[in-house]
């Protein structure tokens, strides 16, 4: 089934949830988001202070479960170093560019933390995607279970082709970008009330749609 057979209008859905998503972005974590973005951009702060901001923010978003303090400190240090080495980006990133940056940061964090008791690597997908958003808040989607669930439902209802190959993150980014490009104009600056990050608003809309209840 192609676009002509789509059962839903994605822009209408975005319109419906837009105001609630903006409110959540501003009131639920907005202050913390501003603080971590500022910390990663401020090289005049000490490394320890910036690492602590990273840990506070990752803790707020509950992405540190399963990591002891040594591993948490090591991952936060890698995130700060990655932020300092990044090339500034104005505007959007392509799918390949997002995946490349994700892979680079994911590998760094994966090498910094110890594997699980059974020697298998820890799943750092959510942690990495959220930390990457802090480095590129205008361009990077946040990977989580709600958003993934919402993308699956929406893409099915719209009759969109979804990638069968690749990692869960690469498949997520492919579908996310496909849908975001369709609604970017609907997430109008005049509706954001001064909030800066359109991609975060779309993520919040997906989060709302994907809530289990």
Protein backbone atom coordinates (compact mmCIF):
# COMPACT_ATOMS: atom_id res chain seq x y z
CA UNK A 1 0.00 0.00 0.00
CA UNK A 2 1.48 3.34 -1.07
CA UNK A 3 0.87 6.87 0.11
CA UNK A 4 -2.39 7.06 -1.81
CA UNK A 5 -3.74 4.36 0.48
CA UNK A 6 -2.66 6.00 3.71
CA UNK A 7 -5.21 5.76 6.48
CA UNK A 8 -4.11 8.84 8.40
CA UNK A 9 -3.01 12.42 7.86
CA UNK A 10 0.24 12.81 9.77
CA UNK A 11 0.11 16.60 9.72
CA UNK A 12 -3.31 16.55 11.36
CA UNK A 13 -1.93 14.33 14.10
CA UNK A 14 0.98 16.70 14.64
CA UNK A 15 -1.43 19.64 14.78
CA UNK A 16 -3.50 17.83 17.38
CA UNK A 17 -0.60 17.11 19.74
CA UNK A 18 1.62 20.10 18.99
CA UNK A 19 0.66 22.39 21.85
CA UNK A 20 0.88 19.58 24.42
CA UNK A 21 4.28 18.53 23.06
CA UNK A 22 5.64 22.08 23.29
CA UNK A 23 4.37 22.38 26.86
CA UNK A 24 6.10 19.13 27.79
CA UNK A 25 9.33 20.22 26.14
CA UNK A 26 9.35 23.45 28.09
CA UNK A 27 8.01 22.26 31.45
CA UNK A 28 9.22 18.66 31.70
CA UNK A 29 12.98 18.74 31.36
CA UNK A 30 13.33 22.01 29.45
CA UNK A 31 15.56 23.59 32.09
CA UNK A 32 17.74 20.48 32.25
CA UNK A 33 18.01 20.39 28.46
CA UNK A 34 19.19 23.99 28.33
CA UNK A 35 21.76 23.35 31.06
CA UNK A 36 23.36 20.30 29.42
CA UNK A 37 23.51 21.93 25.99
CA UNK A 38 25.15 25.00 27.53
CA UNK A 39 27.62 22.87 29.48
CA UNK A 40 28.73 20.90 26.43
CA UNK A 41 29.21 24.14 24.52
CA UNK A 42 31.20 25.85 27.29
CA UNK A 43 34.83 24.74 27.24
CA UNK A 44 35.65 27.29 29.92
CA UNK A 45 34.01 25.05 32.50
CA UNK A 46 36.14 22.33 34.05
CA UNK A 47 35.90 18.84 32.60
CA UNK A 48 34.63 17.57 35.94
CA UNK A 49 31.82 20.13 36.06
CA UNK A 50 30.76 19.32 32.52
CA UNK A 51 30.92 15.58 33.18
CA UNK A 52 28.73 16.06 36.23
CA UNK A 53 26.18 17.95 34.14
CA UNK A 54 26.16 15.05 31.67
CA UNK A 55 25.58 12.57 34.49
CA UNK A 56 22.79 14.67 35.96
CA UNK A 57 21.05 14.95 32.61
CA UNK A 58 21.43 11.26 31.70
CA UNK A 59 20.13 10.38 35.16
CA UNK A 60 17.11 12.61 34.65
CA UNK A 61 16.30 10.71 31.45
CA UNK A 62 16.95 7.35 33.14
CA UNK A 63 19.59 6.09 30.74
CA UNK A 64 22.18 5.03 33.32
CA UNK A 65 20.52 1.89 34.64
CA UNK A 66 22.87 -1.06 34.86
CA UNK A 67 26.02 1.07 34.96
CA UNK A 68 28.07 1.45 38.11
CA UNK A 69 29.61 4.80 39.02
CA UNK A 70 32.93 4.02 37.34
CA UNK A 71 31.19 3.20 34.07
CA UNK A 72 28.95 6.23 34.35
CA UNK A 73 31.90 8.55 34.84
CA UNK A 74 33.75 6.96 31.93
CA UNK A 75 30.79 7.30 29.55
CA UNK A 76 30.20 10.91 30.61
CA UNK A 77 33.86 11.69 29.98
CA UNK A 78 33.62 10.24 26.47
CA UNK A 79 30.54 12.35 25.77
CA UNK A 80 32.36 15.53 26.81
CA UNK A 81 35.37 14.65 24.65
CA UNK A 82 33.09 13.85 21.71
CA UNK A 83 31.31 17.18 22.13
CA UNK A 84 34.61 19.05 22.11
CA UNK A 85 35.74 17.29 18.93
CA UNK A 86 32.50 17.69 16.97
CA UNK A 87 32.22 19.76 13.82
CA UNK A 88 29.52 22.45 14.20
CA UNK A 89 26.38 21.85 12.15
CA UNK A 90 23.89 24.43 10.97
CA UNK A 91 20.51 22.96 10.09
CA UNK A 92 19.72 19.32 9.39
CA UNK A 93 21.86 16.24 8.95
CA UNK A 94 21.36 13.46 6.43
CA UNK A 95 20.52 9.93 7.52
CA UNK A 96 24.09 8.81 6.82
CA UNK A 97 25.53 11.73 8.80
CA UNK A 98 23.32 10.99 11.81
CA UNK A 99 24.22 7.31 11.77
CA UNK A 100 27.92 8.10 11.38
CA UNK A 101 27.92 10.42 14.40
CA UNK A 102 25.86 7.96 16.42
CA UNK A 103 28.23 5.10 15.61
CA UNK A 104 31.25 7.17 16.59
CA UNK A 105 29.82 8.14 19.98
CA UNK A 106 28.31 4.69 20.60
CA UNK A 107 31.67 3.03 19.98
CA UNK A 108 33.41 5.44 22.34
CA UNK A 109 30.91 4.85 25.12
CA UNK A 110 30.87 1.10 24.49
CA UNK A 111 34.63 0.88 24.85
CA UNK A 112 34.56 2.96 28.03
CA UNK A 113 32.13 0.78 30.01
CA UNK A 114 32.54 -2.80 31.08
CA UNK A 115 30.46 -5.55 29.46
CA UNK A 116 27.67 -7.35 31.26
CA UNK A 117 28.32 -10.33 33.50
CA UNK A 118 27.88 -12.70 30.56
CA UNK A 119 30.53 -10.71 28.64
CA UNK A 120 28.04 -9.34 26.10
CA UNK A 121 28.09 -5.59 25.36
CA UNK A 122 25.68 -3.33 27.17
CA UNK A 123 22.84 -1.78 25.20
CA UNK A 124 23.81 1.90 25.03
CA UNK A 125 21.52 2.85 22.15
CA UNK A 126 19.18 5.06 24.16
CA UNK A 127 22.01 6.63 26.15
CA UNK A 128 24.01 7.40 23.00
CA UNK A 129 21.08 8.85 21.07
CA UNK A 130 20.13 11.15 23.93
CA UNK A 131 23.71 12.30 24.47
CA UNK A 132 24.04 12.88 20.72
CA UNK A 133 20.94 15.09 20.77
CA UNK A 134 22.67 17.29 23.36
CA UNK A 135 25.51 17.77 20.87
CA UNK A 136 23.22 18.41 17.87
CA UNK A 137 19.86 19.51 19.31
CA UNK A 138 18.57 20.80 15.97
CA UNK A 139 19.16 17.57 14.08
CA UNK A 140 19.15 14.37 16.16
CA UNK A 141 16.13 12.26 17.17
CA UNK A 142 15.95 10.67 20.62
CA UNK A 143 15.62 6.90 20.46
CA UNK A 144 13.31 5.37 23.05
CA UNK A 145 10.65 2.71 23.25
CA UNK A 146 7.70 5.10 23.00
CA UNK A 147 9.04 6.81 19.89
CA UNK A 148 9.96 3.49 18.28
CA UNK A 149 6.47 2.14 18.97
CA UNK A 150 4.84 5.28 17.54
CA UNK A 151 6.95 5.18 14.38
CA UNK A 152 5.98 1.56 13.82
CA UNK A 153 2.27 2.31 14.11
CA UNK A 154 2.36 5.49 12.03
CA UNK A 155 4.45 4.01 9.22
CA UNK A 156 2.08 1.03 8.97
CA UNK A 157 -1.00 3.23 8.86
CA UNK A 158 0.61 5.42 6.22
CA UNK A 159 1.64 2.43 4.13
CA UNK A 160 5.30 3.39 4.14
CA UNK A 161 8.11 1.07 3.26
CA UNK A 162 10.33 0.41 6.25
CA UNK A 163 13.92 -0.82 6.11
CA UNK A 164 14.32 -4.50 6.89
CA UNK A 165 18.07 -4.45 7.35
CA UNK A 166 20.43 -2.63 9.66
CA UNK A 167 20.54 -2.03 13.41
CA UNK A 168 17.47 -0.98 15.41
CA UNK A 169 18.90 2.56 15.50
CA UNK A 170 19.51 2.83 11.74
CA UNK A 171 15.99 1.57 11.03
CA UNK A 172 14.62 4.03 13.59
CA UNK A 173 16.45 6.99 12.03
CA UNK A 174 15.31 6.06 8.52
CA UNK A 175 11.62 6.06 9.47
CA UNK A 176 11.98 9.06 11.79
CA UNK A 177 13.52 11.23 9.06
CA UNK A 178 10.91 10.12 6.53
CA UNK A 179 8.10 11.27 8.81
CA UNK A 180 9.81 14.36 10.19
CA UNK A 181 10.42 15.79 6.72
CA UNK A 182 6.68 15.51 6.04
CA UNK A 183 5.68 17.55 9.09
CA UNK A 184 8.57 19.96 9.65
CA UNK A 185 6.61 22.89 8.24
CA UNK A 186 3.63 22.07 10.43
CA UNK A 187 5.82 22.44 13.53
CA UNK A 188 5.76 26.16 12.95
CA UNK A 189 8.01 28.53 14.89
CA UNK A 190 5.01 30.68 15.83
CA UNK A 191 3.48 27.72 17.68
CA UNK A 192 6.63 26.96 19.69
CA UNK A 193 6.42 29.94 22.04
CA UNK A 194 10.13 30.58 21.87
CA UNK A 195 11.16 26.93 22.27
CA UNK A 196 14.15 26.32 20.02
CA UNK A 197 14.24 22.65 19.06
CA UNK A 198 11.75 21.43 16.49
CA UNK A 199 13.10 17.89 16.42
CA UNK A 200 12.54 17.63 20.15
CA UNK A 201 8.92 18.69 19.70
CA UNK A 202 8.40 15.95 17.12
CA UNK A 203 10.04 13.46 19.46
CA UNK A 204 7.60 14.51 22.18
CA UNK A 205 4.67 14.00 19.83
CA UNK A 206 5.94 10.49 19.08
CA UNK A 207 6.42 9.91 22.80
CA UNK A 208 2.79 10.88 23.47
CA UNK A 209 1.49 8.65 20.66
CA UNK A 210 3.64 5.72 21.74
CA UNK A 211 2.69 5.75 25.44
CA UNK A 212 1.44 2.26 26.35
CA UNK A 213 -1.73 3.61 27.96
